[in-house]
Amino acid sequence: QSAAVPATLLGLPGVTAQDGRTVRASGPLPALYRQFGVWMRVASSL
């Protein structure tokens, strides 16, 4: 919802922008699931 979250997540390795509010990353599961958890902790701080 907030553009501030993806703007901050772009500082993490492997995260790319699809548009101003959408980010993506690739990797094997379950490592990608763990990475998503980091995204949510970043979002919670913002």
All heavy atoms as atom14 arrays in JSON, in Angstrom:
{
  "sequence": "QSAAVPATLLGLPGVTAQDGRTVRASGPLPALYRQFGVWMRVASSL",
  "atom14_mask": [
    [1, 1, 1, 1, 1, 1, 1, 1, 1, 0, 0, 0, 0, 0],
    [1, 1, 1, 1, 1, 1, 0, 0, 0, 0, 0, 0, 0, 0],
    [1, 1, 1, 1, 1, 0, 0, 0, 0, 0, 0, 0, 0, 0],
    [1, 1, 1, 1, 1, 0, 0, 0, 0, 0, 0, 0, 0, 0],
    [1, 1, 1, 1, 1, 1, 1, 0, 0, 0, 0, 0, 0, 0],
    [1, 1, 1, 1, 1, 1, 1, 0, 0, 0, 0, 0, 0, 0],
    [1, 1, 1, 1, 1, 0, 0, 0, 0, 0, 0, 0, 0, 0],
    [1, 1, 1, 1, 1, 1, 1, 0, 0, 0, 0, 0, 0, 0],
    [1, 1, 1, 1, 1, 1, 1, 1, 0, 0, 0, 0, 0, 0],
    [1, 1, 1, 1, 1, 1, 1, 1, 0, 0, 0, 0, 0, 0],
    [1, 1, 1, 1, 0, 0, 0, 0, 0, 0, 0, 0, 0, 0],
    [1, 1, 1, 1, 1, 1, 1, 1, 0, 0, 0, 0, 0, 0],
    [1, 1, 1, 1, 1, 1, 1, 0, 0, 0, 0, 0, 0, 0],
    [1, 1, 1, 1, 0, 0, 0, 0, 0, 0, 0, 0, 0, 0],
    [1, 1, 1, 1, 1, 1, 1, 0, 0, 0, 0, 0, 0, 0],
    [1, 1, 1, 1, 1, 1, 1, 0, 0, 0, 0, 0, 0, 0],
    [1, 1, 1, 1, 1, 0, 0, 0, 0, 0, 0, 0, 0, 0],
    [1, 1, 1, 1, 1, 1, 1, 1, 1, 0, 0, 0, 0, 0],
    [1, 1, 1, 1, 1, 1, 1, 1, 0, 0, 0, 0, 0, 0],
    [1, 1, 1, 1, 0, 0, 0, 0, 0, 0, 0, 0, 0, 0],
    [1, 1, 1, 1, 1, 1, 1, 1, 1, 1, 1, 0, 0, 0],
    [1, 1, 1, 1, 1, 1, 1, 0, 0, 0, 0, 0, 0, 0],
    [1, 1, 1, 1, 1, 1, 1, 0, 0, 0, 0, 0, 0, 0],
    [1, 1, 1, 1, 1, 1, 1, 1, 1, 1, 1, 0, 0, 0],
    [1, 1, 1, 1, 1, 0, 0, 0, 0, 0, 0, 0, 0, 0],
    [1, 1, 1, 1, 1, 1, 0, 0, 0, 0, 0, 0, 0, 0],
    [1, 1, 1, 1, 0, 0, 0, 0, 0, 0, 0, 0, 0, 0],
    [1, 1, 1, 1, 1, 1, 1, 0, 0, 0, 0, 0, 0, 0],
    [1, 1, 1, 1, 1, 1, 1, 1, 0, 0, 0, 0, 0, 0],
    [1, 1, 1, 1, 1, 1, 1, 0, 0, 0, 0, 0, 0, 0],
    [1, 1, 1, 1, 1, 0, 0, 0, 0, 0, 0, 0, 0, 0],
    [1, 1, 1, 1, 1, 1, 1, 1, 0, 0, 0, 0, 0, 0],
    [1, 1, 1, 1, 1, 1, 1, 1, 1, 1, 1, 1, 0, 0],
    [1, 1, 1, 1, 1, 1, 1, 1, 1, 1, 1, 0, 0, 0],
    [1, 1, 1, 1, 1, 1, 1, 1, 1, 0, 0, 0, 0, 0],
    [1, 1, 1, 1, 1, 1, 1, 1, 1, 1, 1, 0, 0, 0],
    [1, 1, 1, 1, 0, 0, 0, 0, 0, 0, 0, 0, 0, 0],
    [1, 1, 1, 1, 1, 1, 1, 0, 0, 0, 0, 0, 0, 0],
    [1, 1, 1, 1, 1, 1, 1, 1, 1, 1, 1, 1, 1, 1],
    [1, 1, 1, 1, 1, 1, 1, 1, 0, 0, 0, 0, 0, 0],
    [1, 1, 1, 1, 1, 1, 1, 1, 1, 1, 1, 0, 0, 0],
    [1, 1, 1, 1, 1, 1, 1, 0, 0, 0, 0, 0, 0, 0],
    [1, 1, 1, 1, 1, 0, 0, 0, 0, 0, 0, 0, 0, 0],
    [1, 1, 1, 1, 1, 1, 0, 0, 0, 0, 0, 0, 0, 0],
    [1, 1, 1, 1, 1, 1, 0, 0, 0, 0, 0, 0, 0, 0],
    [1, 1, 1, 1, 1, 1, 1, 1, 0, 0, 0, 0, 0, 0]
  ],
  "atom14_positions": [
    [[0.83, -1.2, 0.0], [0.0, 0.0, 0.0], [0.86, 1.25, 0.0], [0.58, 2.22, -0.7], [-0.92, 0.01, 1.22], [-1.87, 1.21, 1.25], [-2.59, 1.32, 2.56], [-1.96, 1.4, 3.61], [-3.92, 1.31, 2.52], [0.0, 0.0, 0.0], [0.0, 0.0, 0.0], [0.0, 0.0, 0.0], [0.0, 0.0, 0.0], [0.0, 0.0, 0.0]],
    [[1.92, 1.23, 0.8], [2.78, 2.4, 0.95], [4.0, 2.3, 0.04], [4.7, 1.29, 0.04], [3.25, 2.52, 2.41], [4.28, 3.48, 2.52], [0.0, 0.0, 0.0], [0.0, 0.0, 0.0], [0.0, 0.0, 0.0], [0.0, 0.0, 0.0], [0.0, 0.0, 0.0], [0.0, 0.0, 0.0], [0.0, 0.0, 0.0], [0.0, 0.0, 0.0]],
    [[4.27, 3.36, -0.71], [5.45, 3.38, -1.57], [6.74, 3.41, -0.75], [7.82, 3.07, -1.26], [5.4, 4.59, -2.5], [0.0, 0.0, 0.0], [0.0, 0.0, 0.0], [0.0, 0.0, 0.0], [0.0, 0.0, 0.0], [0.0, 0.0, 0.0], [0.0, 0.0, 0.0], [0.0, 0.0, 0.0], [0.0, 0.0, 0.0], [0.0, 0.0, 0.0]],
    [[6.65, 3.79, 0.52], [7.84, 3.84, 1.37], [8.42, 2.46, 1.6], [9.65, 2.3, 1.74], [7.53, 4.5, 2.7], [0.0, 0.0, 0.0], [0.0, 0.0, 0.0], [0.0, 0.0, 0.0], [0.0, 0.0, 0.0], [0.0, 0.0, 0.0], [0.0, 0.0, 0.0], [0.0, 0.0, 0.0], [0.0, 0.0, 0.0], [0.0, 0.0, 0.0]],
    [[7.57, 1.44, 1.64], [8.06, 0.09, 1.9], [8.9, -0.43, 0.74], [10.05, -0.83, 0.94], [6.9, -0.86, 2.23], [7.41, -2.29, 2.38], [6.19, -0.41, 3.49], [0.0, 0.0, 0.0], [0.0, 0.0, 0.0], [0.0, 0.0, 0.0], [0.0, 0.0, 0.0], [0.0, 0.0, 0.0], [0.0, 0.0, 0.0], [0.0, 0.0, 0.0]],
    [[8.38, -0.46, -0.5], [9.23, -0.95, -1.59], [10.47, -0.11, -1.81], [11.53, -0.64, -2.16], [8.3, -0.91, -2.81], [7.18, -0.04, -2.45], [7.01, -0.16, -0.97], [0.0, 0.0, 0.0], [0.0, 0.0, 0.0], [0.0, 0.0, 0.0], [0.0, 0.0, 0.0], [0.0, 0.0, 0.0], [0.0, 0.0, 0.0], [0.0, 0.0, 0.0]],
    [[10.37, 1.2, -1.59], [11.56, 2.06, -1.75], [12.66, 1.63, -0.81], [13.85, 1.64, -1.17], [11.19, 3.52, -1.5], [0.0, 0.0, 0.0], [0.0, 0.0, 0.0], [0.0, 0.0, 0.0], [0.0, 0.0, 0.0], [0.0, 0.0, 0.0], [0.0, 0.0, 0.0], [0.0, 0.0, 0.0], [0.0, 0.0, 0.0], [0.0, 0.0, 0.0]],
    [[12.31, 1.22, 0.41], [13.29, 0.76, 1.38], [13.78, -0.64, 1.06], [14.98, -0.94, 1.16], [12.69, 0.79, 2.8], [12.23, 2.11, 3.09], [13.73, 0.39, 3.83], [0.0, 0.0, 0.0], [0.0, 0.0, 0.0], [0.0, 0.0, 0.0], [0.0, 0.0, 0.0], [0.0, 0.0, 0.0], [0.0, 0.0, 0.0], [0.0, 0.0, 0.0]],
    [[12.87, -1.51, 0.61], [13.24, -2.89, 0.31], [14.23, -2.98, -0.85], [15.0, -3.95, -0.93], [11.99, -3.71, -0.03], [11.02, -3.96, 1.12], [9.79, -4.7, 0.62], [11.69, -4.74, 2.24], [0.0, 0.0, 0.0], [0.0, 0.0, 0.0], [0.0, 0.0, 0.0], [0.0, 0.0, 0.0], [0.0, 0.0, 0.0], [0.0, 0.0, 0.0]],
    [[14.24, -1.98, -1.71], [15.18, -2.0, -2.84], [16.63, -1.94, -2.37], [17.54, -2.22, -3.15], [14.88, -0.84, -3.8], [13.58, -0.97, -4.59], [13.33, 0.28, -5.42], [13.61, -2.2, -5.49], [0.0, 0.0, 0.0], [0.0, 0.0, 0.0], [0.0, 0.0, 0.0], [0.0, 0.0, 0.0], [0.0, 0.0, 0.0], [0.0, 0.0, 0.0]],
    [[16.84, -1.62, -1.1], [18.2, -1.64, -0.57], [18.68, -3.02, -0.22], [19.87, -3.2, 0.1], [0.0, 0.0, 0.0], [0.0, 0.0, 0.0], [0.0, 0.0, 0.0], [0.0, 0.0, 0.0], [0.0, 0.0, 0.0], [0.0, 0.0, 0.0], [0.0, 0.0, 0.0], [0.0, 0.0, 0.0], [0.0, 0.0, 0.0], [0.0, 0.0, 0.0]],
    [[17.8, -4.02, -0.29], [18.19, -5.4, 0.01], [18.67, -6.1, -1.24], [18.09, -5.92, -2.33], [16.99, -6.16, 0.6], [16.43, -5.63, 1.91], [15.2, -6.44, 2.31], [17.49, -5.69, 3.01], [0.0, 0.0, 0.0], [0.0, 0.0, 0.0], [0.0, 0.0, 0.0], [0.0, 0.0, 0.0], [0.0, 0.0, 0.0], [0.0, 0.0, 0.0]],
    [[19.71, -6.91, -1.15], [20.21, -7.63, -2.32], [19.13, -8.51, -2.95], [18.38, -9.19, -2.24], [21.35, -8.49, -1.75], [21.76, -7.8, -0.5], [20.52, -7.18, 0.06], [0.0, 0.0, 0.0], [0.0, 0.0, 0.0], [0.0, 0.0, 0.0], [0.0, 0.0, 0.0], [0.0, 0.0, 0.0], [0.0, 0.0, 0.0], [0.0, 0.0, 0.0]],
    [[19.04, -8.46, -4.27], [18.12, -9.33, -4.99], [16.73, -8.8, -5.17], [15.92, -9.4, -5.89], [0.0, 0.0, 0.0], [0.0, 0.0, 0.0], [0.0, 0.0, 0.0], [0.0, 0.0, 0.0], [0.0, 0.0, 0.0], [0.0, 0.0, 0.0], [0.0, 0.0, 0.0], [0.0, 0.0, 0.0], [0.0, 0.0, 0.0], [0.0, 0.0, 0.0]],
    [[16.39, -7.68, -4.52], [15.05, -7.12, -4.63], [15.03, -6.11, -5.78], [15.87, -5.21, -5.84], [14.61, -6.44, -3.33], [13.22, -5.84, -3.47], [14.65, -7.44, -2.18], [0.0, 0.0, 0.0], [0.0, 0.0, 0.0], [0.0, 0.0, 0.0], [0.0, 0.0, 0.0], [0.0, 0.0, 0.0], [0.0, 0.0, 0.0], [0.0, 0.0, 0.0]],
    [[14.07, -6.24, -6.67], [13.94, -5.33, -7.81], [12.54, -4.75, -7.83], [11.6, -5.3, -7.27], [14.23, -6.04, -9.14], [13.28, -7.1, -9.32], [15.64, -6.6, -9.18], [0.0, 0.0, 0.0], [0.0, 0.0, 0.0], [0.0, 0.0, 0.0], [0.0, 0.0, 0.0], [0.0, 0.0, 0.0], [0.0, 0.0, 0.0], [0.0, 0.0, 0.0]],
    [[12.39, -3.61, -8.5], [11.11, -2.92, -8.58], [10.36, -3.35, -9.83], [10.93, -3.42, -10.92], [11.32, -1.41, -8.58], [0.0, 0.0, 0.0], [0.0, 0.0, 0.0], [0.0, 0.0, 0.0], [0.0, 0.0, 0.0], [0.0, 0.0, 0.0], [0.0, 0.0, 0.0], [0.0, 0.0, 0.0], [0.0, 0.0, 0.0], [0.0, 0.0, 0.0]],
    [[9.07, -3.63, -9.66], [8.2, -3.85, -10.81], [7.47, -2.56, -11.15], [7.25, -2.25, -12.31], [7.19, -4.96, -10.5], [6.24, -5.27, -11.65], [5.51, -6.56, -11.43], [6.13, -7.63, -11.34], [4.2, -6.49, -11.34], [0.0, 0.0, 0.0], [0.0, 0.0, 0.0], [0.0, 0.0, 0.0], [0.0, 0.0, 0.0], [0.0, 0.0, 0.0]],
    [[7.08, -1.81, -10.14], [6.56, -0.45, -10.28], [6.77, 0.24, -8.95], [7.45, -0.29, -8.07], [5.08, -0.45, -10.73], [4.16, -1.19, -9.78], [4.27, -0.99, -8.55], [3.31, -1.98, -10.25], [0.0, 0.0, 0.0], [0.0, 0.0, 0.0], [0.0, 0.0, 0.0], [0.0, 0.0, 0.0], [0.0, 0.0, 0.0], [0.0, 0.0, 0.0]],
    [[6.17, 1.41, -8.77], [6.44, 2.2, -7.58], [5.99, 1.58, -6.27], [6.47, 1.98, -5.2], [0.0, 0.0, 0.0], [0.0, 0.0, 0.0], [0.0, 0.0, 0.0], [0.0, 0.0, 0.0], [0.0, 0.0, 0.0], [0.0, 0.0, 0.0], [0.0, 0.0, 0.0], [0.0, 0.0, 0.0], [0.0, 0.0, 0.0], [0.0, 0.0, 0.0]],
    [[5.07, 0.62, -6.32], [4.6, -0.01, -5.09], [4.79, -1.53, -5.08], [4.31, -2.21, -4.17], [3.11, 0.31, -4.86], [2.85, 1.76, -4.52], [1.44, 2.02, -4.02], [0.43, 1.72, -5.03], [-0.5, 0.78, -4.91], [-0.53, 0.01, -3.83], [-1.38, 0.59, -5.86], [0.0, 0.0, 0.0], [0.0, 0.0, 0.0], [0.0, 0.0, 0.0]],
    [[5.49, -2.04, -6.07], [5.6, -3.49, -6.21], [7.06, -3.9, -6.36], [7.79, -3.33, -7.16], [4.81, -3.99, -7.44], [3.49, -3.44, -7.39], [4.75, -5.5, -7.47], [0.0, 0.0, 0.0], [0.0, 0.0, 0.0], [0.0, 0.0, 0.0], [0.0, 0.0, 0.0], [0.0, 0.0, 0.0], [0.0, 0.0, 0.0], [0.0, 0.0, 0.0]],
    [[7.46, -4.9, -5.56], [8.83, -5.42, -5.65], [8.76, -6.93, -5.87], [7.75, -7.58, -5.62], [9.65, -5.11, -4.38], [9.84, -3.63, -4.21], [8.99, -5.72, -3.14], [0.0, 0.0, 0.0], [0.0, 0.0, 0.0], [0.0, 0.0, 0.0], [0.0, 0.0, 0.0], [0.0, 0.0, 0.0], [0.0, 0.0, 0.0], [0.0, 0.0, 0.0]],
    [[9.87, -7.46, -6.33], [9.95, -8.9, -6.57], [11.35, -9.39, -6.26], [12.32, -8.64, -6.23], [9.57, -9.22, -8.02], [10.47, -8.6, -9.05], [9.88, -8.72, -10.46], [9.63, -10.12, -10.82], [8.99, -10.49, -11.93], [8.53, -9.56, -12.76], [8.81, -11.76, -12.2], [0.0, 0.0, 0.0], [0.0, 0.0, 0.0], [0.0, 0.0, 0.0]],
    [[11.44, -10.69, -6.04], [12.73, -11.34, -5.83], [12.57, -12.8, -6.24], [11.46, -13.34, -6.25], [13.19, -11.25, -4.39], [0.0, 0.0, 0.0], [0.0, 0.0, 0.0], [0.0, 0.0, 0.0], [0.0, 0.0, 0.0], [0.0, 0.0, 0.0], [0.0, 0.0, 0.0], [0.0, 0.0, 0.0], [0.0, 0.0, 0.0], [0.0, 0.0, 0.0]],
    [[13.66, -13.42, -6.59], [13.63, -14.83, -6.98], [14.59, -15.61, -6.1], [15.56, -15.08, -5.57], [13.98, -15.0, -8.45], [15.3, -14.54, -8.71], [0.0, 0.0, 0.0], [0.0, 0.0, 0.0], [0.0, 0.0, 0.0], [0.0, 0.0, 0.0], [0.0, 0.0, 0.0], [0.0, 0.0, 0.0], [0.0, 0.0, 0.0], [0.0, 0.0, 0.0]],
    [[14.28, -16.9, -5.96], [15.13, -17.78, -5.17], [14.4, -19.07, -4.88], [13.2, -19.2, -5.16], [0.0, 0.0, 0.0], [0.0, 0.0, 0.0], [0.0, 0.0, 0.0], [0.0, 0.0, 0.0], [0.0, 0.0, 0.0], [0.0, 0.0, 0.0], [0.0, 0.0, 0.0], [0.0, 0.0, 0.0], [0.0, 0.0, 0.0], [0.0, 0.0, 0.0]],
    [[15.08, -20.02, -4.32], [14.42, -21.29, -3.99], [13.59, -21.17, -2.73], [13.95, -20.43, -1.8], [15.6, -22.24, -3.8], [16.71, -21.35, -3.3], [16.53, -20.04, -4.01], [0.0, 0.0, 0.0], [0.0, 0.0, 0.0], [0.0, 0.0, 0.0], [0.0, 0.0, 0.0], [0.0, 0.0, 0.0], [0.0, 0.0, 0.0], [0.0, 0.0, 0.0]],
    [[12.49, -21.86, -2.69], [11.76, -22.05, -1.43], [12.45, -23.15, -0.64], [12.95, -24.09, -1.25], [10.3, -22.42, -1.72], [9.42, -21.32, -2.31], [8.12, -21.91, -2.83], [9.13, -20.24, -1.26], [0.0, 0.0, 0.0], [0.0, 0.0, 0.0], [0.0, 0.0, 0.0], [0.0, 0.0, 0.0], [0.0, 0.0, 0.0], [0.0, 0.0, 0.0]],
    [[12.54, -23.06, 0.67], [11.92, -22.08, 1.56], [12.73, -20.81, 1.82], [12.28, -19.97, 2.59], [11.75, -22.87, 2.86], [12.93, -23.79, 2.88], [13.15, -24.19, 1.43], [0.0, 0.0, 0.0], [0.0, 0.0, 0.0], [0.0, 0.0, 0.0], [0.0, 0.0, 0.0], [0.0, 0.0, 0.0], [0.0, 0.0, 0.0], [0.0, 0.0, 0.0]],
    [[13.89, -20.66, 1.2], [14.7, -19.47, 1.45], [13.94, -18.2, 1.08], [14.05, -17.17, 1.76], [16.02, -19.56, 0.67], [0.0, 0.0, 0.0], [0.0, 0.0, 0.0], [0.0, 0.0, 0.0], [0.0, 0.0, 0.0], [0.0, 0.0, 0.0], [0.0, 0.0, 0.0], [0.0, 0.0, 0.0], [0.0, 0.0, 0.0], [0.0, 0.0, 0.0]],
    [[13.14, -18.28, 0.01], [12.37, -17.12, -0.42], [11.31, -16.77, 0.63], [11.0, -15.6, 0.84], [11.73, -17.41, -1.77], [11.19, -16.22, -2.56], [12.28, -15.19, -2.83], [10.59, -16.7, -3.88], [0.0, 0.0, 0.0], [0.0, 0.0, 0.0], [0.0, 0.0, 0.0], [0.0, 0.0, 0.0], [0.0, 0.0, 0.0], [0.0, 0.0, 0.0]],
    [[10.76, -17.77, 1.27], [9.78, -17.54, 2.35], [10.45, -16.82, 3.52], [9.89, -15.88, 4.09], [9.22, -18.89, 2.79], [8.04, -18.82, 3.74], [6.75, -18.67, 3.27], [8.24, -18.95, 5.12], [5.67, -18.63, 4.15], [7.16, -18.91, 5.99], [5.88, -18.76, 5.51], [4.82, -18.72, 6.37], [0.0, 0.0, 0.0], [0.0, 0.0, 0.0]],
    [[11.66, -17.23, 3.87], [12.39, -16.54, 4.95], [12.68, -15.1, 4.56], [12.58, -14.19, 5.39], [13.7, -17.28, 5.25], [13.53, -18.59, 6.0], [14.84, -19.05, 6.6], [15.84, -19.3, 5.58], [16.03, -20.48, 4.98], [15.27, -21.51, 5.32], [16.97, -20.64, 4.08], [0.0, 0.0, 0.0], [0.0, 0.0, 0.0], [0.0, 0.0, 0.0]],
    [[13.04, -14.87, 3.3], [13.33, -13.52, 2.85], [12.08, -12.64, 2.95], [12.16, -11.48, 3.35], [13.85, -13.52, 1.41], [14.21, -12.13, 0.9], [14.77, -12.15, -0.51], [14.95, -13.2, -1.1], [15.05, -10.99, -1.06], [0.0, 0.0, 0.0], [0.0, 0.0, 0.0], [0.0, 0.0, 0.0], [0.0, 0.0, 0.0], [0.0, 0.0, 0.0]],
    [[10.94, -13.2, 2.6], [9.69, -12.46, 2.71], [9.43, -12.04, 4.15], [8.91, -10.96, 4.42], [8.55, -13.31, 2.16], [7.19, -12.68, 2.29], [6.93, -11.43, 1.77], [6.17, -13.36, 2.93], [5.67, -10.85, 1.89], [4.9, -12.8, 3.06], [4.66, -11.53, 2.54], [0.0, 0.0, 0.0], [0.0, 0.0, 0.0], [0.0, 0.0, 0.0]],
    [[9.81, -12.88, 5.1], [9.69, -12.51, 6.5], [10.5, -11.27, 6.84], [10.07, -10.42, 7.63], [0.0, 0.0, 0.0], [0.0, 0.0, 0.0], [0.0, 0.0, 0.0], [0.0, 0.0, 0.0], [0.0, 0.0, 0.0], [0.0, 0.0, 0.0], [0.0, 0.0, 0.0], [0.0, 0.0, 0.0], [0.0, 0.0, 0.0], [0.0, 0.0, 0.0]],
    [[11.68, -11.14, 6.24], [12.49, -9.93, 6.45], [11.77, -8.72, 5.86], [11.74, -7.64, 6.47], [13.88, -10.11, 5.81], [14.68, -8.82, 5.9], [14.64, -11.26, 6.48], [0.0, 0.0, 0.0], [0.0, 0.0, 0.0], [0.0, 0.0, 0.0], [0.0, 0.0, 0.0], [0.0, 0.0, 0.0], [0.0, 0.0, 0.0], [0.0, 0.0, 0.0]],
    [[11.17, -8.88, 4.69], [10.41, -7.78, 4.09], [9.32, -7.3, 5.05], [9.12, -6.09, 5.21], [9.75, -8.23, 2.79], [10.69, -8.56, 1.66], [12.05, -8.59, 1.7], [10.32, -8.9, 0.33], [12.55, -8.95, 0.47], [11.51, -9.14, -0.38], [9.1, -9.05, -0.32], [11.52, -9.51, -1.73], [9.09, -9.41, -1.67], [10.29, -9.64, -2.37]],
    [[8.63, -8.21, 5.67], [7.54, -7.82, 6.56], [8.07, -7.11, 7.8], [7.44, -6.18, 8.31], [6.7, -9.03, 6.94], [5.83, -9.52, 5.79], [4.59, -10.7, 6.33], [5.63, -12.13, 6.67], [0.0, 0.0, 0.0], [0.0, 0.0, 0.0], [0.0, 0.0, 0.0], [0.0, 0.0, 0.0], [0.0, 0.0, 0.0], [0.0, 0.0, 0.0]],
    [[9.23, -7.52, 8.3], [9.79, -6.83, 9.45], [10.21, -5.42, 9.07], [10.06, -4.48, 9.87], [10.97, -7.62, 10.03], [10.51, -8.88, 10.77], [11.6, -9.51, 11.58], [12.59, -10.21, 10.78], [12.46, -11.46, 10.34], [11.37, -12.15, 10.63], [13.41, -12.04, 9.64], [0.0, 0.0, 0.0], [0.0, 0.0, 0.0], [0.0, 0.0, 0.0]],
    [[10.72, -5.24, 7.86], [11.04, -3.89, 7.38], [9.76, -3.07, 7.28], [9.69, -1.92, 7.73], [11.75, -3.95, 6.01], [11.86, -2.55, 5.4], [13.13, -4.58, 6.16], [0.0, 0.0, 0.0], [0.0, 0.0, 0.0], [0.0, 0.0, 0.0], [0.0, 0.0, 0.0], [0.0, 0.0, 0.0], [0.0, 0.0, 0.0], [0.0, 0.0, 0.0]],
    [[8.72, -3.66, 6.69], [7.46, -2.95, 6.54], [6.87, -2.56, 7.89], [6.33, -1.45, 8.05], [6.46, -3.8, 5.76], [0.0, 0.0, 0.0], [0.0, 0.0, 0.0], [0.0, 0.0, 0.0], [0.0, 0.0, 0.0], [0.0, 0.0, 0.0], [0.0, 0.0, 0.0], [0.0, 0.0, 0.0], [0.0, 0.0, 0.0], [0.0, 0.0, 0.0]],
    [[6.97, -3.44, 8.87], [6.44, -3.14, 10.2], [7.15, -1.95, 10.84], [6.54, -1.18, 11.59], [6.57, -4.36, 11.12], [5.76, -5.42, 10.67], [0.0, 0.0, 0.0], [0.0, 0.0, 0.0], [0.0, 0.0, 0.0], [0.0, 0.0, 0.0], [0.0, 0.0, 0.0], [0.0, 0.0, 0.0], [0.0, 0.0, 0.0], [0.0, 0.0, 0.0]],
    [[8.43, -1.81, 10.54], [9.18, -0.69, 11.11], [8.83, 0.64, 10.47], [9.09, 1.71, 11.04], [10.69, -0.93, 10.96], [11.1, -0.81, 9.61], [0.0, 0.0, 0.0], [0.0, 0.0, 0.0], [0.0, 0.0, 0.0], [0.0, 0.0, 0.0], [0.0, 0.0, 0.0], [0.0, 0.0, 0.0], [0.0, 0.0, 0.0], [0.0, 0.0, 0.0]],
    [[8.2, 0.59, 9.28], [7.9, 1.79, 8.54], [6.43, 2.21, 8.62], [6.08, 3.34, 8.26], [8.25, 1.62, 7.05], [9.73, 1.39, 6.73], [9.9, 1.0, 5.27], [10.54, 2.64, 7.04], [0.0, 0.0, 0.0], [0.0, 0.0, 0.0], [0.0, 0.0, 0.0], [0.0, 0.0, 0.0], [0.0, 0.0, 0.0], [0.0, 0.0, 0.0]]
  ]
}
